[in-house]
Amino acid sequence: MRAVTVLPGVRDSIRLDDVGAPPLSDGAILARTRALGICGTDHEILQGLYGAAPPGVERLVIGHESLGIVEEAPSGSGFDAGDPVVGIVRRPDPVPCPSCAAGEWDMCRNGGFTERGIKERNGFGSELFRIEPAFAVKVDPELGLSGVLMEPASIVAKAWDHVERVGRRSTAWAARNVLVTGAGPIGLLAALMGRQRDLDIHVLDRHTDGPKPGLIRDLGAVHHAGPQTLRDLSFDIVMECTAASALVVESIARCAPSGIVCLLGVSSAGHRTEFDIGGFNRKLVLGNEVVFGAVNANRLHYTQAAASLAQAERSWLDRLITRRVPLSQWREAFTPRRDDIKVVLEFS
């Protein structure tokens, strides 16, 4: 079968390979890949900045944003042939740490986890993949190709879950408005989940043309092309989805007293910017504010993501996928374009 592979740590080593069938050790469910979502982590792996192949193997099958159709599933697994399915990315470490032992492998405390298509496990970027029933999630068939948004949606669901847990530190706290920085897939899904909570959503994104302003508007959110249009607004919740240093600082500055800032982007090291650490400390302490980071997701968050996607307007979700690239033209899927939101590599 065909699979997209890289030599981890080697820039531009991506290629379409012929590989063997997925081993049974990967899981009892056999699925035929329908589509693979491409994200920033994939581009970092292609640049040789990240990624690790399975032990004893030279190349890594990439791809962690999956959508497949079940071909074989064991009796009693809860899955049947024809079911659309998504694979959970992370696996708990073998020790396991307290978080992994509790099923919260997204909060692993010793770094011994593995991840499909990223760290020491082959991903879903092959014509067939296997998955354990415990790490497979059913997708609403009505979503069609938009089911490939499940993995990024799970990360956003975790962010909202943790924001709301932090918010419960005060019995009187209730959010009214939200600032989302960035209108990529994570930012737009964060805005979607905020609107599903009936919150007032503001999205800060520099694009004034292309698909993003319309998607923001059609959510009933307010689009800001620059910080100056925010004027003196402050926000109960800030979802920072760009990892741009200047916007991280802007996000913290815009946090209201008792507010919560969730950082969802991963910045590149070495970028320096002027930052008043004393003022930051004073603002957070005197305002009872919280800034935290979130990455990855556990099964609870995939379940929450599935519910959110099923509730969303289908035509709006479909517009998040701005490019559908057939496997025969696979290289194009990994070449970014200005108006890209979500690029999908279609296997079948």
Foldseek 3Di string as FASTA:
>chain_A
DWFWKAQAQDAQRTDIDDDDDADCVQAQWKWFFFWFWDDPLNLCRNGNNFADEAPPDRMARATQLTWTFTDDHDPPLPDDGGFIKHFAFKQAAPVGDPCNVVQNRQPGDPPRMATDRTGNHHHDRGRMYHHHSQGMDTADVVLPPLSSLLFLQLQLLVVVVVQVVLQVVDVPDDWAEEEEEDQFSNSLSNLLVCVVVVHAYEYEDQDPDADRVVLCVVSVHHYHNDPVVCPLAAGQEYEYEPLDPVVVQVNLVRHAQLHEYEYEDDHDPPDDDDDDVVVSVVCCVVRVYYYYYTDGHGPVSSVVSSVSSVPDDSVSSVVLAPEEAEPVRVVVQSDDDDNHRIHMYGDD
